[in-house]
PDB file of N, CA and C in Angstrom:
ATOM      1  N   UNK A   1      96.899 123.047  96.445  1.00  0.00           N
ATOM      2  CA  UNK A   1      95.762 122.195  96.097  1.00  0.00           C
ATOM      3  C   UNK A   1      96.330 120.755  95.873  1.00  0.00           C
ATOM      4  N   UNK A   2      95.651 119.793  96.454  1.00  0.00           N
ATOM      5  CA  UNK A   2      96.089 118.434  96.475  1.00  0.00           C
ATOM      6  C   UNK A   2      95.694 117.785  95.102  1.00  0.00           C
ATOM      7  N   UNK A   3      96.318 116.696  94.762  1.00  0.00           N
ATOM      8  CA  UNK A   3      96.022 115.930  93.563  1.00  0.00           C
ATOM      9  C   UNK A   3      94.537 115.518  93.528  1.00  0.00           C
ATOM     10  N   UNK A   4      94.022 115.124  94.699  1.00  0.00           N
ATOM     11  CA  UNK A   4      92.625 114.732  94.801  1.00  0.00           C
ATOM     12  C   UNK A   4      91.707 115.877  94.512  1.00  0.00           C
ATOM     13  N   UNK A   5      92.068 117.051  95.028  1.00  0.00           N
ATOM     14  CA  UNK A   5      91.198 118.230  94.745  1.00  0.00           C
ATOM     15  C   UNK A   5      91.248 118.615  93.279  1.00  0.00           C
ATOM     16  N   UNK A   6      92.405 118.456  92.687  1.00  0.00           N
ATOM     17  CA  UNK A   6      92.477 118.793  91.229  1.00  0.00           C
ATOM     18  C   UNK A   6      91.659 117.842  90.426  1.00  0.00           C
ATOM     19  N   UNK A   7      91.706 116.526  90.729  1.00  0.00           N
ATOM     20  CA  UNK A   7      90.937 115.520  90.002  1.00  0.00           C
ATOM     21  C   UNK A   7      89.397 115.828  90.233  1.00  0.00           C
ATOM     22  N   UNK A   8      89.049 116.166  91.487  1.00  0.00           N
ATOM     23  CA  UNK A   8      87.679 116.487  91.763  1.00  0.00           C
ATOM     24  C   UNK A   8      87.206 117.646  90.903  1.00  0.00           C
ATOM     25  N   UNK A   9      88.029 118.694  90.808  1.00  0.00           N
ATOM     26  CA  UNK A   9      87.717 119.834  89.984  1.00  0.00           C
ATOM     27  C   UNK A   9      87.532 119.459  88.511  1.00  0.00           C
ATOM     28  N   UNK A  10      88.425 118.641  88.016  1.00  0.00           N
ATOM     29  CA  UNK A  10      88.355 118.173  86.659  1.00  0.00           C
ATOM     30  C   UNK A  10      87.054 117.403  86.392  1.00  0.00           C
ATOM     31  N   UNK A  11      86.697 116.558  87.354  1.00  0.00           N
ATOM     32  CA  UNK A  11      85.517 115.797  87.250  1.00  0.00           C
ATOM     33  C   UNK A  11      84.313 116.764  87.183  1.00  0.00           C
ATOM     34  N   UNK A  12      84.220 117.708  88.103  1.00  0.00           N
ATOM     35  CA  UNK A  12      83.107 118.710  88.066  1.00  0.00           C
ATOM     36  C   UNK A  12      83.061 119.460  86.724  1.00  0.00           C
ATOM     37  N   UNK A  13      84.246 119.924  86.261  1.00  0.00           N
ATOM     38  CA  UNK A  13      84.299 120.680  85.009  1.00  0.00           C
ATOM     39  C   UNK A  13      83.815 119.886  83.803  1.00  0.00           C
ATOM     40  N   UNK A  14      84.293 118.631  83.788  1.00  0.00           N
ATOM     41  CA  UNK A  14      83.925 117.752  82.663  1.00  0.00           C
ATOM     42  C   UNK A  14      82.334 117.464  82.670  1.00  0.00           C
ATOM     43  N   UNK A  15      81.848 117.215  83.869  1.00  0.00           N
ATOM     44  CA  UNK A  15      80.367 116.991  83.948  1.00  0.00           C
ATOM     45  C   UNK A  15      79.595 118.215  83.556  1.00  0.00           C
ATOM     46  N   UNK A  16      80.024 119.359  83.998  1.00  0.00           N
ATOM     47  CA  UNK A  16      79.341 120.624  83.618  1.00  0.00           C
ATOM     48  C   UNK A  16      79.409 120.828  82.134  1.00  0.00           C
ATOM     49  N   UNK A  17      80.520 120.447  81.526  1.00  0.00           N
ATOM     50  CA  UNK A  17      80.642 120.621  80.064  1.00  0.00           C
ATOM     51  C   UNK A  17      79.692 119.781  79.243  1.00  0.00           C
ATOM     52  N   UNK A  18      79.205 118.702  79.896  1.00  0.00           N
ATOM     53  CA  UNK A  18      78.177 117.878  79.156  1.00  0.00           C
ATOM     54  C   UNK A  18      76.754 118.109  79.727  1.00  0.00           C
ATOM     55  N   UNK A  19      76.601 119.096  80.573  1.00  0.00           N
ATOM     56  CA  UNK A  19      75.326 119.511  81.055  1.00  0.00           C
ATOM     57  C   UNK A  19      74.868 118.966  82.361  1.00  0.00           C
ATOM     58  N   UNK A  20      75.761 118.244  83.096  1.00  0.00           N
ATOM     59  CA  UNK A  20      75.458 117.713  84.397  1.00  0.00           C
ATOM     60  C   UNK A  20      75.936 118.692  85.515  1.00  0.00           C
ATOM     61  N   UNK A  21      75.022 119.305  86.183  1.00  0.00           N
ATOM     62  CA  UNK A  21      75.387 120.335  87.151  1.00  0.00           C
ATOM     63  C   UNK A  21      74.993 119.959  88.601  1.00  0.00           C
ATOM     64  N   UNK A  22      74.560 118.691  88.837  1.00  0.00           N
ATOM     65  CA  UNK A  22      74.025 118.364  90.135  1.00  0.00           C
ATOM     66  C   UNK A  22      75.072 117.747  91.079  1.00  0.00           C
ATOM     67  N   UNK A  23      76.357 117.540  90.658  1.00  0.00           N
ATOM     68  CA  UNK A  23      77.343 116.951  91.527  1.00  0.00           C
ATOM     69  C   UNK A  23      77.893 118.002  92.521  1.00  0.00           C
ATOM     70  N   UNK A  24      77.831 117.670  93.758  1.00  0.00           N
ATOM     71  CA  UNK A  24      78.387 118.616  94.769  1.00  0.00           C
ATOM     72  C   UNK A  24      79.884 118.457  94.870  1.00  0.00           C
ATOM     73  N   UNK A  25      80.499 119.435  95.534  1.00  0.00           N
ATOM     74  CA  UNK A  25      81.949 119.375  95.764  1.00  0.00           C
ATOM     75  C   UNK A  25      82.310 118.136  96.551  1.00  0.00           C
ATOM     76  N   UNK A  26      81.562 117.809  97.612  1.00  0.00           N
ATOM     77  CA  UNK A  26      81.818 116.598  98.368  1.00  0.00           C
ATOM     78  C   UNK A  26      81.747 115.345  97.560  1.00  0.00           C
ATOM     79  N   UNK A  27      80.709 115.312  96.695  1.00  0.00           N
ATOM     80  CA  UNK A  27      80.559 114.077  95.876  1.00  0.00           C
ATOM     81  C   UNK A  27      81.703 113.916  94.862  1.00  0.00           C
ATOM     82  N   UNK A  28      82.157 115.037  94.231  1.00  0.00           N
ATOM     83  CA  UNK A  28      83.216 114.948  93.302  1.00  0.00           C
ATOM     84  C   UNK A  28      84.540 114.578  94.005  1.00  0.00           C
ATOM     85  N   UNK A  29      84.725 115.063  95.267  1.00  0.00           N
ATOM     86  CA  UNK A  29      85.890 114.714  96.002  1.00  0.00           C
ATOM     87  C   UNK A  29      85.833 113.241  96.407  1.00  0.00           C
ATOM     88  N   UNK A  30      84.672 112.707  96.761  1.00  0.00           N
ATOM     89  CA  UNK A  30      84.517 111.278  97.102  1.00  0.00           C
ATOM     90  C   UNK A  30      84.828 110.411  95.856  1.00  0.00           C
ATOM     91  N   UNK A  31      84.375 110.866  94.698  1.00  0.00           N
ATOM     92  CA  UNK A  31      84.662 110.108  93.475  1.00  0.00           C
ATOM     93  C   UNK A  31      86.178 110.160  93.225  1.00  0.00           C
ATOM     94  N   UNK A  32      86.779 111.290  93.351  1.00  0.00           N
ATOM     95  CA  UNK A  32      88.274 111.323  93.170  1.00  0.00           C
ATOM     96  C   UNK A  32      88.979 110.486  94.116  1.00  0.00           C
ATOM     97  N   UNK A  33      88.567 110.415  95.368  1.00  0.00           N
ATOM     98  CA  UNK A  33      89.226 109.580  96.369  1.00  0.00           C
ATOM     99  C   UNK A  33      89.051 108.124  95.946  1.00  0.00           C
ATOM    100  N   UNK A  34      87.906 107.758  95.464  1.00  0.00           N
ATOM    101  CA  UNK A  34      87.645 106.402  94.978  1.00  0.00           C
ATOM    102  C   UNK A  34      88.541 106.008  93.779  1.00  0.00           C
ATOM    103  N   UNK A  35      88.712 106.960  92.828  1.00  0.00           N
ATOM    104  CA  UNK A  35      89.575 106.790  91.737  1.00  0.00           C
ATOM    105  C   UNK A  35      90.977 106.530  92.203  1.00  0.00           C
ATOM    106  N   UNK A  36      91.503 107.272  93.135  1.00  0.00           N
ATOM    107  CA  UNK A  36      92.839 107.075  93.621  1.00  0.00           C
ATOM    108  C   UNK A  36      92.983 105.725  94.308  1.00  0.00           C
ATOM    109  N   UNK A  37      91.992 105.360  94.991  1.00  0.00           N
ATOM    110  CA  UNK A  37      92.002 103.987  95.685  1.00  0.00           C
ATOM    111  C   UNK A  37      92.066 102.885  94.634  1.00  0.00           C
ATOM    112  N   UNK A  38      91.319 103.034  93.589  1.00  0.00           N
ATOM    113  CA  UNK A  38      91.300 102.012  92.511  1.00  0.00           C
ATOM    114  C   UNK A  38      92.663 102.027  91.813  1.00  0.00           C
ATOM    115  N   UNK A  39      93.206 103.165  91.586  1.00  0.00           N
ATOM    116  CA  UNK A  39      94.579 103.229  90.916  1.00  0.00           C
ATOM    117  C   UNK A  39      95.611 102.535  91.788  1.00  0.00           C
ATOM    118  N   UNK A  40      95.521 102.791  93.111  1.00  0.00           N
ATOM    119  CA  UNK A  40      96.454 102.119  94.016  1.00  0.00           C
ATOM    120  C   UNK A  40      96.288 100.590  94.007  1.00  0.00           C
ATOM    121  N   UNK A  41      95.051 100.146  94.005  1.00  0.00           N
ATOM    122  CA  UNK A  41      94.742  98.733  93.951  1.00  0.00           C
ATOM    123  C   UNK A  41      95.316  98.111  92.646  1.00  0.00           C
ATOM    124  N   UNK A  42      95.095  98.794  91.543  1.00  0.00           N
ATOM    125  CA  UNK A  42      95.648  98.307  90.249  1.00  0.00           C
ATOM    126  C   UNK A  42      97.122  98.294  90.220  1.00  0.00           C
ATOM    127  N   UNK A  43      97.791  99.301  90.798  1.00  0.00           N
ATOM    128  CA  UNK A  43      99.226  99.247  90.865  1.00  0.00           C
ATOM    129  C   UNK A  43      99.751  98.156  91.661  1.00  0.00           C
ATOM    130  N   UNK A  44      99.114  97.841  92.807  1.00  0.00           N
ATOM    131  CA  UNK A  44      99.535  96.728  93.652  1.00  0.00           C
ATOM    132  C   UNK A  44      99.331  95.403  92.949  1.00  0.00           C
ATOM    133  N   UNK A  45      98.179  95.295  92.206  1.00  0.00           N
ATOM    134  CA  UNK A  45      97.935  94.067  91.425  1.00  0.00           C
ATOM    135  C   UNK A  45      98.988  93.882  90.356  1.00  0.00           C
ATOM    136  N   UNK A  46      99.346  94.933  89.666  1.00  0.00           N
ATOM    137  CA  UNK A  46     100.351  94.832  88.591  1.00  0.00           C
ATOM    138  C   UNK A  46     101.721  94.483  89.166  1.00  0.00           C
ATOM    139  N   UNK A  47     102.046  95.108  90.264  1.00  0.00           N
ATOM    140  CA  UNK A  47     103.331  94.811  90.930  1.00  0.00           C
ATOM    141  C   UNK A  47     103.365  93.369  91.375  1.00  0.00           C
ATOM    142  N   UNK A  48     102.250  92.834  91.836  1.00  0.00           N
ATOM    143  CA  UNK A  48     102.238  91.414  92.293  1.00  0.00           C
ATOM    144  C   UNK A  48     102.376  90.514  91.086  1.00  0.00           C
ATOM    145  N   UNK A  49     101.724  90.866  89.941  1.00  0.00           N
ATOM    146  CA  UNK A  49     101.922  90.056  88.727  1.00  0.00           C
ATOM    147  C   UNK A  49     103.330  90.075  88.225  1.00  0.00           C
ATOM    148  N   UNK A  50     103.964  91.288  88.235  1.00  0.00           N
ATOM    149  CA  UNK A  50     105.400  91.385  87.844  1.00  0.00           C
ATOM    150  C   UNK A  50     106.252  90.499  88.754  1.00  0.00           C
ATOM    151  N   UNK A  51     105.986  90.552  90.082  1.00  0.00           N
ATOM    152  CA  UNK A  51     106.784  89.833  90.947  1.00  0.00           C
ATOM    153  C   UNK A  51     106.605  88.303  90.680  1.00  0.00           C
ATOM    154  N   UNK A  52     105.312  87.905  90.577  1.00  0.00           N
ATOM    155  CA  UNK A  52     105.086  86.450  90.278  1.00  0.00           C
ATOM    156  C   UNK A  52     105.714  86.032  88.970  1.00  0.00           C
ATOM    157  N   UNK A  53     105.608  86.867  87.994  1.00  0.00           N
ATOM    158  CA  UNK A  53     106.189  86.538  86.683  1.00  0.00           C
ATOM    159  C   UNK A  53     107.743  86.434  86.769  1.00  0.00           C
ATOM    160  N   UNK A  54     108.319  87.321  87.502  1.00  0.00           N
ATOM    161  CA  UNK A  54     109.786  87.331  87.712  1.00  0.00           C
ATOM    162  C   UNK A  54     110.217  86.095  88.445  1.00  0.00           C
ATOM    163  N   UNK A  55     109.390  85.662  89.444  1.00  0.00           N
ATOM    164  CA  UNK A  55     109.693  84.491  90.192  1.00  0.00           C
ATOM    165  C   UNK A  55     109.676  83.212  89.323  1.00  0.00           C
ATOM    166  N   UNK A  56     108.713  83.156  88.462  1.00  0.00           N
ATOM    167  CA  UNK A  56     108.633  81.983  87.526  1.00  0.00           C
ATOM    168  C   UNK A  56     109.763  81.927  86.564  1.00  0.00           C
ATOM    169  N   UNK A  57     110.217  83.176  86.066  1.00  0.00           N
ATOM    170  CA  UNK A  57     111.299  83.247  85.163  1.00  0.00           C
ATOM    171  C   UNK A  57     112.574  82.739  85.793  1.00  0.00           C
ATOM    172  N   UNK A  58     112.755  82.889  87.049  1.00  0.00           N
ATOM    173  CA  UNK A  58     113.994  82.513  87.805  1.00  0.00           C
ATOM    174  C   UNK A  58     114.042  81.013  88.097  1.00  0.00           C
ATOM    175  N   UNK A  59     112.890  80.372  88.071  1.00  0.00           N
ATOM    176  CA  UNK A  59     112.767  78.906  88.388  1.00  0.00           C
ATOM    177  C   UNK A  59     113.346  78.044  87.320  1.00  0.00           C
TER     178      UNK A  59
END
């Protein structure tokens, strides 16, 4: 089972626990994929900030 599938399952389980049962497997997998994309974007942004900060410190 991939990390994306695990996150999708967690999303479905959490929503069911609060009474939301209308999310399909495909929808939860799409949400999980979007979460991973956002995490990647944030990681890249943080890396760029660290790089820029390091460059200023060396000047």
